Amino acid sequence: MNYRQNEIYIVRPGDTLWKIANMYQVGISELINANPQIANPNLIYIGQQIFIPKSNGYGNLEQEIIRLVNQERVRRNLNPLQENWEVSRVARIKAQDMIDNNYFSHNSPIYGSPFQMLRDFGIRYTKAAENIAYGNLTAQQVMNQWMNSSGHKANILNPNFTTIGVGVARTSPNGPYYFVQMFIR
């Protein structure tokens, strides 16, 4: 992922990389990658500077997609979905993986199925689904595409899902977007 390192955290007593990652809602692996100066990730020191990776810059687009999903659900008397940052992180990694490995599919050559990918990233669920899309689309346009597809619409409106994660990646500043929605219960 393309991260900009523009925030620094100073380690305090009792901090661990895991605690810092959760505080900033980033993955531990992204935090480690942003801090190559840390020789042993299990050993950080009070006063040490930790670079906090910033997201890929598509957070507003992701949030708008979540808002539109919940708008569709509420319109049909369904409960809105709660965003889970860890599920959104997996969705972002999947979107970037499709770009990096030149594919457009639910099954990744690196991570396998969406279900396996969620499990491998430590996400617990009893039910899961994934929607993907591709193109130079706005949040509303991608939602229209999904709502006009029976399978995608069924995932968005499934009353059994309680949680959503959305990830967006882009091939280049003017290139197409890759969109991923992950739903879990």
N, C-alpha and C. Protein backbone atom coordinates (compact mmCIF):
# COMPACT_ATOMS: atom_id res chain seq x y z
N MET A 1 0.84 -1.18 0.00
CA MET A 1 0.00 0.00 0.00
C MET A 1 0.88 1.24 0.00
N ASN A 2 0.37 2.28 -0.55
CA ASN A 2 1.11 3.54 -0.58
C ASN A 2 0.77 4.34 0.67
N TYR A 3 1.69 4.37 1.62
CA TYR A 3 1.47 5.11 2.85
C TYR A 3 2.34 6.35 2.87
N ARG A 4 1.83 7.39 3.48
CA ARG A 4 2.61 8.60 3.71
C ARG A 4 2.92 8.63 5.20
N GLN A 5 4.20 8.71 5.55
CA GLN A 5 4.59 8.73 6.95
C GLN A 5 4.66 10.18 7.41
N ASN A 6 3.56 10.70 7.94
CA ASN A 6 3.60 12.09 8.34
C ASN A 6 3.09 12.30 9.76
N GLU A 7 3.01 11.23 10.54
CA GLU A 7 2.65 11.38 11.93
C GLU A 7 3.62 10.55 12.75
N ILE A 8 4.06 11.11 13.84
CA ILE A 8 5.02 10.42 14.71
C ILE A 8 4.39 10.25 16.08
N TYR A 9 4.55 9.06 16.64
CA TYR A 9 4.08 8.76 17.98
C TYR A 9 5.31 8.53 18.85
N ILE A 10 5.30 9.09 20.05
CA ILE A 10 6.40 8.90 21.00
C ILE A 10 5.96 7.83 22.01
N VAL A 11 6.76 6.77 22.11
CA VAL A 11 6.44 5.63 22.97
C VAL A 11 6.39 6.07 24.43
N ARG A 12 5.34 5.61 25.11
CA ARG A 12 5.11 5.90 26.53
C ARG A 12 5.22 4.60 27.34
N PRO A 13 5.31 4.72 28.66
CA PRO A 13 5.36 3.51 29.49
C PRO A 13 4.14 2.61 29.23
N GLY A 14 4.40 1.32 29.08
CA GLY A 14 3.33 0.35 28.86
C GLY A 14 2.94 0.15 27.41
N ASP A 15 3.49 0.94 26.51
CA ASP A 15 3.15 0.80 25.09
C ASP A 15 3.77 -0.46 24.48
N THR A 16 3.06 -1.03 23.54
CA THR A 16 3.58 -2.08 22.67
C THR A 16 3.19 -1.69 21.25
N LEU A 17 3.84 -2.28 20.26
CA LEU A 17 3.44 -1.98 18.89
C LEU A 17 1.99 -2.37 18.66
N TRP A 18 1.55 -3.46 19.26
CA TRP A 18 0.16 -3.89 19.11
C TRP A 18 -0.80 -2.82 19.64
N LYS A 19 -0.50 -2.28 20.82
CA LYS A 19 -1.36 -1.22 21.39
C LYS A 19 -1.37 0.02 20.50
N ILE A 20 -0.20 0.39 20.00
CA ILE A 20 -0.11 1.57 19.13
C ILE A 20 -0.87 1.34 17.83
N ALA A 21 -0.73 0.15 17.25
CA ALA A 21 -1.45 -0.19 16.01
C ALA A 21 -2.96 -0.08 16.23
N ASN A 22 -3.45 -0.61 17.34
CA ASN A 22 -4.89 -0.53 17.62
C ASN A 22 -5.34 0.90 17.88
N MET A 23 -4.51 1.67 18.56
CA MET A 23 -4.85 3.06 18.84
C MET A 23 -5.06 3.85 17.55
N TYR A 24 -4.22 3.59 16.55
CA TYR A 24 -4.30 4.31 15.28
C TYR A 24 -5.07 3.55 14.20
N GLN A 25 -5.61 2.40 14.55
CA GLN A 25 -6.39 1.57 13.63
C GLN A 25 -5.61 1.26 12.36
N VAL A 26 -4.41 0.77 12.55
CA VAL A 26 -3.59 0.28 11.45
C VAL A 26 -3.14 -1.14 11.80
N GLY A 27 -2.79 -1.89 10.81
CA GLY A 27 -2.31 -3.25 11.05
C GLY A 27 -0.91 -3.24 11.64
N ILE A 28 -0.63 -4.24 12.45
CA ILE A 28 0.70 -4.35 13.06
C ILE A 28 1.77 -4.50 11.98
N SER A 29 1.47 -5.24 10.91
CA SER A 29 2.46 -5.41 9.85
C SER A 29 2.76 -4.09 9.15
N GLU A 30 1.72 -3.25 8.94
CA GLU A 30 1.95 -1.94 8.33
C GLU A 30 2.79 -1.05 9.26
N LEU A 31 2.54 -1.15 10.56
CA LEU A 31 3.31 -0.36 11.52
C LEU A 31 4.77 -0.80 11.52
N ILE A 32 5.01 -2.10 11.48
CA ILE A 32 6.38 -2.61 11.43
C ILE A 32 7.07 -2.18 10.14
N ASN A 33 6.36 -2.29 9.01
CA ASN A 33 6.94 -1.89 7.72
C ASN A 33 7.28 -0.40 7.67
N ALA A 34 6.50 0.42 8.36
CA ALA A 34 6.74 1.87 8.36
C ALA A 34 7.89 2.26 9.29
N ASN A 35 8.39 1.28 10.06
CA ASN A 35 9.42 1.56 11.05
C ASN A 35 10.59 0.59 10.94
N PRO A 36 11.33 0.64 9.83
CA PRO A 36 12.44 -0.30 9.65
C PRO A 36 13.56 -0.11 10.67
N GLN A 37 13.56 1.01 11.38
CA GLN A 37 14.57 1.25 12.41
C GLN A 37 14.36 0.36 13.63
N ILE A 38 13.21 -0.29 13.75
CA ILE A 38 12.94 -1.16 14.89
C ILE A 38 13.49 -2.55 14.57
N ALA A 39 14.57 -2.92 15.25
CA ALA A 39 15.21 -4.21 14.99
C ALA A 39 14.36 -5.37 15.51
N ASN A 40 13.74 -5.19 16.68
CA ASN A 40 12.93 -6.23 17.29
C ASN A 40 11.56 -5.64 17.61
N PRO A 41 10.51 -6.02 16.86
CA PRO A 41 9.18 -5.44 17.09
C PRO A 41 8.62 -5.71 18.48
N ASN A 42 9.18 -6.68 19.19
CA ASN A 42 8.72 -6.97 20.55
C ASN A 42 9.41 -6.11 21.59
N LEU A 43 10.33 -5.25 21.13
CA LEU A 43 11.12 -4.45 22.06
C LEU A 43 11.17 -3.00 21.58
N ILE A 44 10.33 -2.16 22.20
CA ILE A 44 10.37 -0.73 21.91
C ILE A 44 10.65 0.00 23.22
N TYR A 45 11.12 1.23 23.11
CA TYR A 45 11.60 1.96 24.27
C TYR A 45 10.82 3.24 24.50
N ILE A 46 10.65 3.58 25.77
CA ILE A 46 10.02 4.85 26.14
C ILE A 46 10.80 5.99 25.47
N GLY A 47 10.08 6.89 24.83
CA GLY A 47 10.69 8.02 24.14
C GLY A 47 11.04 7.76 22.69
N GLN A 48 10.96 6.50 22.27
CA GLN A 48 11.27 6.14 20.88
C GLN A 48 10.21 6.72 19.95
N GLN A 49 10.64 7.16 18.76
CA GLN A 49 9.71 7.67 17.76
C GLN A 49 9.21 6.53 16.88
N ILE A 50 7.88 6.47 16.74
CA ILE A 50 7.25 5.48 15.88
C ILE A 50 6.51 6.23 14.79
N PHE A 51 6.82 5.91 13.53
CA PHE A 51 6.10 6.51 12.41
C PHE A 51 4.77 5.80 12.25
N ILE A 52 3.70 6.58 12.16
CA ILE A 52 2.35 6.03 11.98
C ILE A 52 2.01 6.12 10.50
N PRO A 53 1.80 4.97 9.85
CA PRO A 53 1.45 5.02 8.42
C PRO A 53 0.06 5.60 8.22
N LYS A 54 -0.05 6.46 7.25
CA LYS A 54 -1.35 7.03 6.89
C LYS A 54 -1.95 6.18 5.79
N SER A 55 -3.24 6.18 5.72
CA SER A 55 -3.93 5.35 4.73
C SER A 55 -3.68 5.86 3.32
N ASN A 56 -4.22 5.14 2.36
CA ASN A 56 -3.98 5.43 0.95
C ASN A 56 -4.71 6.68 0.45
N GLY A 57 -5.47 7.35 1.29
CA GLY A 57 -6.13 8.59 0.89
C GLY A 57 -7.54 8.42 0.34
N TYR A 58 -8.06 7.20 0.39
CA TYR A 58 -9.41 6.96 -0.15
C TYR A 58 -10.45 6.77 0.96
N GLY A 59 -10.12 7.21 2.16
CA GLY A 59 -11.02 7.04 3.30
C GLY A 59 -12.38 7.68 3.10
N ASN A 60 -12.43 8.88 2.49
CA ASN A 60 -13.72 9.54 2.27
C ASN A 60 -14.59 8.75 1.31
N LEU A 61 -13.98 8.20 0.27
CA LEU A 61 -14.71 7.38 -0.69
C LEU A 61 -15.24 6.12 -0.01
N GLU A 62 -14.41 5.50 0.80
CA GLU A 62 -14.82 4.30 1.54
C GLU A 62 -15.98 4.61 2.48
N GLN A 63 -15.88 5.72 3.20
CA GLN A 63 -16.94 6.11 4.13
C GLN A 63 -18.25 6.41 3.40
N GLU A 64 -18.15 7.02 2.24
CA GLU A 64 -19.36 7.31 1.45
C GLU A 64 -20.02 6.02 0.99
N ILE A 65 -19.24 5.03 0.61
CA ILE A 65 -19.82 3.74 0.22
C ILE A 65 -20.53 3.11 1.41
N ILE A 66 -19.94 3.16 2.58
CA ILE A 66 -20.59 2.61 3.78
C ILE A 66 -21.89 3.36 4.05
N ARG A 67 -21.85 4.69 3.92
CA ARG A 67 -23.07 5.49 4.14
C ARG A 67 -24.16 5.07 3.16
N LEU A 68 -23.80 4.87 1.90
CA LEU A 68 -24.79 4.48 0.88
C LEU A 68 -25.33 3.08 1.13
N VAL A 69 -24.48 2.17 1.58
CA VAL A 69 -24.94 0.82 1.94
C VAL A 69 -25.99 0.93 3.04
N ASN A 70 -25.67 1.68 4.08
CA ASN A 70 -26.60 1.79 5.20
C ASN A 70 -27.87 2.54 4.82
N GLN A 71 -27.77 3.47 3.91
CA GLN A 71 -28.96 4.16 3.40
C GLN A 71 -29.89 3.16 2.73
N GLU A 72 -29.34 2.28 1.91
CA GLU A 72 -30.15 1.24 1.24
C GLU A 72 -30.76 0.29 2.26
N ARG A 73 -30.01 -0.07 3.27
CA ARG A 73 -30.52 -1.01 4.28
C ARG A 73 -31.64 -0.37 5.11
N VAL A 74 -31.43 0.85 5.56
CA VAL A 74 -32.44 1.53 6.39
C VAL A 74 -33.71 1.76 5.58
N ARG A 75 -33.57 2.08 4.31
CA ARG A 75 -34.71 2.28 3.42
C ARG A 75 -35.62 1.03 3.39
N ARG A 76 -35.01 -0.13 3.65
CA ARG A 76 -35.75 -1.40 3.61
C ARG A 76 -35.98 -1.97 5.01
N ASN A 77 -35.89 -1.09 6.01
CA ASN A 77 -36.12 -1.47 7.41
C ASN A 77 -35.16 -2.53 7.92
N LEU A 78 -33.93 -2.48 7.44
CA LEU A 78 -32.87 -3.36 7.93
C LEU A 78 -31.93 -2.55 8.82
N ASN A 79 -31.29 -3.22 9.75
CA ASN A 79 -30.33 -2.54 10.61
C ASN A 79 -29.12 -2.08 9.80
N PRO A 80 -28.60 -0.89 10.11
CA PRO A 80 -27.38 -0.47 9.43
C PRO A 80 -26.21 -1.35 9.88
N LEU A 81 -25.21 -1.43 9.03
CA LEU A 81 -24.01 -2.21 9.35
C LEU A 81 -23.02 -1.32 10.09
N GLN A 82 -22.29 -1.92 11.00
CA GLN A 82 -21.23 -1.22 11.72
C GLN A 82 -19.92 -1.42 10.98
N GLU A 83 -19.18 -0.34 10.77
CA GLU A 83 -17.87 -0.50 10.15
C GLU A 83 -16.90 -1.07 11.17
N ASN A 84 -16.05 -1.98 10.71
CA ASN A 84 -14.98 -2.53 11.52
C ASN A 84 -13.67 -2.19 10.82
N TRP A 85 -12.80 -1.45 11.47
CA TRP A 85 -11.57 -0.99 10.81
C TRP A 85 -10.69 -2.16 10.39
N GLU A 86 -10.72 -3.26 11.15
CA GLU A 86 -9.89 -4.41 10.78
C GLU A 86 -10.41 -5.08 9.51
N VAL A 87 -11.73 -5.14 9.36
CA VAL A 87 -12.31 -5.69 8.13
C VAL A 87 -12.03 -4.74 6.97
N SER A 88 -12.11 -3.44 7.20
CA SER A 88 -11.77 -2.46 6.15
C SER A 88 -10.31 -2.59 5.75
N ARG A 89 -9.45 -2.86 6.71
CA ARG A 89 -8.03 -3.06 6.40
C ARG A 89 -7.85 -4.25 5.45
N VAL A 90 -8.54 -5.35 5.74
CA VAL A 90 -8.46 -6.53 4.86
C VAL A 90 -9.00 -6.18 3.48
N ALA A 91 -10.11 -5.44 3.43
CA ALA A 91 -10.68 -5.04 2.13
C ALA A 91 -9.70 -4.17 1.35
N ARG A 92 -8.99 -3.27 2.03
CA ARG A 92 -8.00 -2.42 1.35
C ARG A 92 -6.84 -3.26 0.81
N ILE A 93 -6.40 -4.20 1.62
CA ILE A 93 -5.31 -5.08 1.18
C ILE A 93 -5.75 -5.89 -0.03
N LYS A 94 -7.01 -6.37 -0.02
CA LYS A 94 -7.53 -7.13 -1.17
C LYS A 94 -7.58 -6.24 -2.41
N ALA A 95 -8.06 -5.01 -2.28
CA ALA A 95 -8.14 -4.10 -3.43
C ALA A 95 -6.74 -3.86 -4.00
N GLN A 96 -5.77 -3.61 -3.14
CA GLN A 96 -4.40 -3.39 -3.61
C GLN A 96 -3.80 -4.67 -4.19
N ASP A 97 -4.15 -5.81 -3.63
CA ASP A 97 -3.67 -7.10 -4.13
C ASP A 97 -4.15 -7.33 -5.56
N MET A 98 -5.38 -6.95 -5.86
CA MET A 98 -5.89 -7.11 -7.23
C MET A 98 -5.06 -6.28 -8.21
N ILE A 99 -4.67 -5.08 -7.79
CA ILE A 99 -3.83 -4.24 -8.65
C ILE A 99 -2.43 -4.85 -8.78
N ASP A 100 -1.84 -5.17 -7.64
CA ASP A 100 -0.45 -5.65 -7.63
C ASP A 100 -0.28 -6.95 -8.40
N ASN A 101 -1.31 -7.80 -8.39
CA ASN A 101 -1.21 -9.11 -9.02
C ASN A 101 -2.04 -9.23 -10.29
N ASN A 102 -2.54 -8.08 -10.77
CA ASN A 102 -3.21 -8.01 -12.07
C ASN A 102 -4.34 -9.04 -12.25
N TYR A 103 -5.30 -8.98 -11.34
CA TYR A 103 -6.47 -9.85 -11.47
C TYR A 103 -7.70 -9.11 -10.97
N PHE A 104 -8.85 -9.63 -11.31
CA PHE A 104 -10.12 -9.11 -10.81
C PHE A 104 -10.99 -10.33 -10.52
N SER A 105 -10.98 -10.75 -9.27
CA SER A 105 -11.65 -11.99 -8.89
C SER A 105 -11.83 -12.01 -7.38
N HIS A 106 -12.76 -12.83 -6.93
CA HIS A 106 -12.93 -13.02 -5.49
C HIS A 106 -11.77 -13.83 -4.91
N ASN A 107 -11.14 -14.65 -5.72
CA ASN A 107 -10.04 -15.49 -5.24
C ASN A 107 -8.70 -14.89 -5.62
N SER A 108 -7.90 -14.61 -4.60
CA SER A 108 -6.58 -14.01 -4.77
C SER A 108 -5.53 -15.10 -4.97
N PRO A 109 -4.59 -14.87 -5.88
CA PRO A 109 -3.50 -15.84 -6.02
C PRO A 109 -2.59 -15.87 -4.78
N ILE A 110 -2.65 -14.83 -3.98
CA ILE A 110 -1.82 -14.74 -2.77
C ILE A 110 -2.59 -15.18 -1.53
N TYR A 111 -3.82 -14.67 -1.36
CA TYR A 111 -4.57 -14.87 -0.12
C TYR A 111 -5.67 -15.92 -0.21
N GLY A 112 -5.98 -16.40 -1.39
CA GLY A 112 -7.06 -17.38 -1.54
C GLY A 112 -8.42 -16.70 -1.54
N SER A 113 -9.42 -17.41 -1.04
CA SER A 113 -10.79 -16.90 -1.03
C SER A 113 -10.92 -15.75 -0.03
N PRO A 114 -11.98 -14.95 -0.15
CA PRO A 114 -12.20 -13.89 0.84
C PRO A 114 -12.35 -14.46 2.25
N PHE A 115 -12.93 -15.65 2.34
CA PHE A 115 -13.15 -16.28 3.65
C PHE A 115 -11.81 -16.65 4.28
N GLN A 116 -10.93 -17.24 3.47
CA GLN A 116 -9.59 -17.59 3.96
C GLN A 116 -8.81 -16.34 4.32
N MET A 117 -8.93 -15.32 3.50
CA MET A 117 -8.21 -14.07 3.75
C MET A 117 -8.64 -13.45 5.08
N LEU A 118 -9.95 -13.39 5.32
CA LEU A 118 -10.45 -12.85 6.59
C LEU A 118 -9.89 -13.66 7.76
N ARG A 119 -9.95 -14.99 7.66
CA ARG A 119 -9.43 -15.84 8.74
C ARG A 119 -7.93 -15.61 8.95
N ASP A 120 -7.18 -15.55 7.85
CA ASP A 120 -5.73 -15.37 7.95
C ASP A 120 -5.35 -14.04 8.59
N PHE A 121 -6.21 -13.04 8.47
CA PHE A 121 -5.96 -11.74 9.10
C PHE A 121 -6.59 -11.65 10.49
N GLY A 122 -7.05 -12.79 11.01
CA GLY A 122 -7.55 -12.84 12.38
C GLY A 122 -8.97 -12.35 12.58
N ILE A 123 -9.74 -12.25 11.51
CA ILE A 123 -11.13 -11.79 11.62
C ILE A 123 -12.00 -13.01 11.91
N ARG A 124 -12.75 -12.93 12.99
CA ARG A 124 -13.67 -14.01 13.34
C ARG A 124 -15.06 -13.68 12.80
N TYR A 125 -15.70 -14.68 12.23
CA TYR A 125 -17.02 -14.48 11.67
C TYR A 125 -17.75 -15.81 11.61
N THR A 126 -19.08 -15.73 11.53
CA THR A 126 -19.89 -16.93 11.32
C THR A 126 -20.47 -16.95 9.92
N LYS A 127 -20.52 -15.79 9.28
CA LYS A 127 -21.03 -15.66 7.92
C LYS A 127 -20.26 -14.51 7.27
N ALA A 128 -19.94 -14.66 5.99
CA ALA A 128 -19.18 -13.60 5.31
C ALA A 128 -19.54 -13.57 3.83
N ALA A 129 -19.32 -12.42 3.22
CA ALA A 129 -19.50 -12.25 1.77
C ALA A 129 -18.61 -11.10 1.32
N GLU A 130 -18.40 -11.06 0.00
CA GLU A 130 -17.56 -10.01 -0.58
C GLU A 130 -18.19 -9.52 -1.87
N ASN A 131 -18.17 -8.20 -2.06
CA ASN A 131 -18.51 -7.57 -3.34
C ASN A 131 -17.25 -6.89 -3.84
N ILE A 132 -17.01 -6.99 -5.16
CA ILE A 132 -15.89 -6.28 -5.77
C ILE A 132 -16.40 -5.53 -6.99
N ALA A 133 -15.71 -4.46 -7.33
CA ALA A 133 -16.04 -3.68 -8.53
C ALA A 133 -14.76 -3.00 -9.00
N TYR A 134 -14.82 -2.51 -10.24
CA TYR A 134 -13.64 -1.94 -10.88
C TYR A 134 -14.08 -0.84 -11.83
N GLY A 135 -13.35 0.26 -11.86
CA GLY A 135 -13.63 1.29 -12.85
C GLY A 135 -13.45 2.69 -12.30
N ASN A 136 -13.56 3.66 -13.18
CA ASN A 136 -13.53 5.07 -12.80
C ASN A 136 -14.93 5.47 -12.37
N LEU A 137 -15.27 5.14 -11.14
CA LEU A 137 -16.63 5.30 -10.65
C LEU A 137 -16.64 6.13 -9.38
N THR A 138 -17.73 6.86 -9.19
CA THR A 138 -17.97 7.53 -7.91
C THR A 138 -18.57 6.50 -6.95
N ALA A 139 -18.68 6.87 -5.69
CA ALA A 139 -19.31 5.98 -4.71
C ALA A 139 -20.74 5.65 -5.14
N GLN A 140 -21.48 6.64 -5.60
CA GLN A 140 -22.87 6.40 -6.03
C GLN A 140 -22.92 5.49 -7.24
N GLN A 141 -22.01 5.67 -8.19
CA GLN A 141 -22.01 4.83 -9.38
C GLN A 141 -21.69 3.37 -9.05
N VAL A 142 -20.72 3.15 -8.17
CA VAL A 142 -20.40 1.77 -7.82
C VAL A 142 -21.55 1.14 -7.03
N MET A 143 -22.20 1.93 -6.18
CA MET A 143 -23.37 1.40 -5.46
C MET A 143 -24.50 1.07 -6.43
N ASN A 144 -24.72 1.92 -7.43
CA ASN A 144 -25.75 1.62 -8.44
C ASN A 144 -25.44 0.31 -9.15
N GLN A 145 -24.18 0.10 -9.50
CA GLN A 145 -23.80 -1.17 -10.15
C GLN A 145 -24.11 -2.35 -9.24
N TRP A 146 -23.70 -2.24 -7.98
CA TRP A 146 -23.94 -3.35 -7.06
C TRP A 146 -25.43 -3.58 -6.84
N MET A 147 -26.20 -2.51 -6.71
CA MET A 147 -27.64 -2.66 -6.46
C MET A 147 -28.38 -3.18 -7.69
N ASN A 148 -27.78 -3.05 -8.88
CA ASN A 148 -28.40 -3.58 -10.10
C ASN A 148 -27.93 -5.00 -10.42
N SER A 149 -27.18 -5.59 -9.52
CA SER A 149 -26.71 -6.97 -9.66
C SER A 149 -27.31 -7.78 -8.52
N SER A 150 -28.07 -8.80 -8.85
CA SER A 150 -28.82 -9.53 -7.81
C SER A 150 -27.92 -10.10 -6.72
N GLY A 151 -26.77 -10.66 -7.07
CA GLY A 151 -25.88 -11.23 -6.06
C GLY A 151 -25.28 -10.19 -5.14
N HIS A 152 -24.83 -9.08 -5.73
CA HIS A 152 -24.25 -8.01 -4.93
C HIS A 152 -25.31 -7.36 -4.03
N LYS A 153 -26.48 -7.14 -4.60
CA LYS A 153 -27.58 -6.55 -3.85
C LYS A 153 -27.96 -7.44 -2.67
N ALA A 154 -27.98 -8.76 -2.91
CA ALA A 154 -28.32 -9.70 -1.83
C ALA A 154 -27.32 -9.59 -0.68
N ASN A 155 -26.04 -9.40 -0.98
CA ASN A 155 -25.05 -9.23 0.08
C ASN A 155 -25.30 -7.93 0.85
N ILE A 156 -25.53 -6.85 0.12
CA ILE A 156 -25.75 -5.54 0.76
C ILE A 156 -26.97 -5.56 1.66
N LEU A 157 -28.01 -6.26 1.24
CA LEU A 157 -29.28 -6.26 1.98
C LEU A 157 -29.48 -7.50 2.85
N ASN A 158 -28.47 -8.31 3.00
CA ASN A 158 -28.60 -9.53 3.81
C ASN A 158 -28.82 -9.14 5.27
N PRO A 159 -29.97 -9.51 5.86
CA PRO A 159 -30.25 -9.11 7.24
C PRO A 159 -29.37 -9.81 8.27
N ASN A 160 -28.67 -10.86 7.86
CA ASN A 160 -27.80 -11.58 8.79
C ASN A 160 -26.46 -10.90 9.02
N PHE A 161 -26.06 -10.01 8.12
CA PHE A 161 -24.79 -9.32 8.30
C PHE A 161 -24.94 -8.17 9.28
N THR A 162 -23.89 -7.97 10.09
CA THR A 162 -23.89 -6.91 11.10
C THR A 162 -22.74 -5.92 10.91
N THR A 163 -21.76 -6.33 10.11
CA THR A 163 -20.50 -5.58 10.05
C THR A 163 -20.04 -5.46 8.61
N ILE A 164 -19.42 -4.33 8.30
CA ILE A 164 -18.90 -4.09 6.96
C ILE A 164 -17.48 -3.53 7.04
N GLY A 165 -16.72 -3.84 6.02
CA GLY A 165 -15.43 -3.20 5.79
C GLY A 165 -15.35 -2.86 4.32
N VAL A 166 -14.83 -1.70 3.99
CA VAL A 166 -14.72 -1.27 2.59
C VAL A 166 -13.28 -0.84 2.33
N GLY A 167 -12.76 -1.29 1.20
CA GLY A 167 -11.42 -0.90 0.79
C GLY A 167 -11.42 -0.42 -0.65
N VAL A 168 -10.63 0.59 -0.91
CA VAL A 168 -10.50 1.14 -2.26
C VAL A 168 -9.01 1.31 -2.55
N ALA A 169 -8.62 0.96 -3.75
CA ALA A 169 -7.25 1.20 -4.22
C ALA A 169 -7.35 1.69 -5.66
N ARG A 170 -6.30 2.33 -6.12
CA ARG A 170 -6.32 2.89 -7.47
C ARG A 170 -4.99 2.60 -8.16
N THR A 171 -5.07 2.28 -9.43
CA THR A 171 -3.87 1.91 -10.17
C THR A 171 -2.90 3.07 -10.35
N SER A 172 -3.44 4.29 -10.50
CA SER A 172 -2.64 5.50 -10.68
C SER A 172 -3.56 6.68 -10.38
N PRO A 173 -3.01 7.90 -10.28
CA PRO A 173 -3.87 9.04 -9.94
C PRO A 173 -5.09 9.21 -10.85
N ASN A 174 -5.00 8.85 -12.10
CA ASN A 174 -6.15 8.95 -13.01
C ASN A 174 -6.67 7.60 -13.45
N GLY A 175 -6.13 6.54 -12.89
CA GLY A 175 -6.52 5.19 -13.30
C GLY A 175 -7.78 4.73 -12.61
N PRO A 176 -8.23 3.54 -12.97
CA PRO A 176 -9.45 3.00 -12.38
C PRO A 176 -9.27 2.61 -10.91
N TYR A 177 -10.37 2.65 -10.20
CA TYR A 177 -10.42 2.20 -8.81
C TYR A 177 -10.74 0.71 -8.77
N TYR A 178 -10.28 0.06 -7.71
CA TYR A 178 -10.72 -1.28 -7.34
C TYR A 178 -11.45 -1.12 -6.01
N PHE A 179 -12.68 -1.60 -5.96
CA PHE A 179 -13.53 -1.48 -4.78
C PHE A 179 -13.76 -2.86 -4.18
N VAL A 180 -13.69 -2.95 -2.86
CA VAL A 180 -13.99 -4.20 -2.17
C VAL A 180 -14.87 -3.89 -0.96
N GLN A 181 -15.98 -4.61 -0.88
CA GLN A 181 -16.82 -4.60 0.32
C GLN A 181 -16.73 -5.98 0.93
N MET A 182 -16.53 -6.04 2.24
CA MET A 182 -16.57 -7.31 2.96
C MET A 182 -17.62 -7.20 4.05
N PHE A 183 -18.47 -8.20 4.09
CA PHE A 183 -19.57 -8.25 5.05
C PHE A 183 -19.35 -9.44 5.97
N ILE A 184 -19.59 -9.25 7.27
CA ILE A 184 -19.49 -10.38 8.19
C ILE A 184 -20.58 -10.32 9.24
N ARG A 185 -20.74 -11.43 9.88
CA ARG A 185 -21.56 -11.55 11.08
C ARG A 185 -20.71 -12.28 12.08
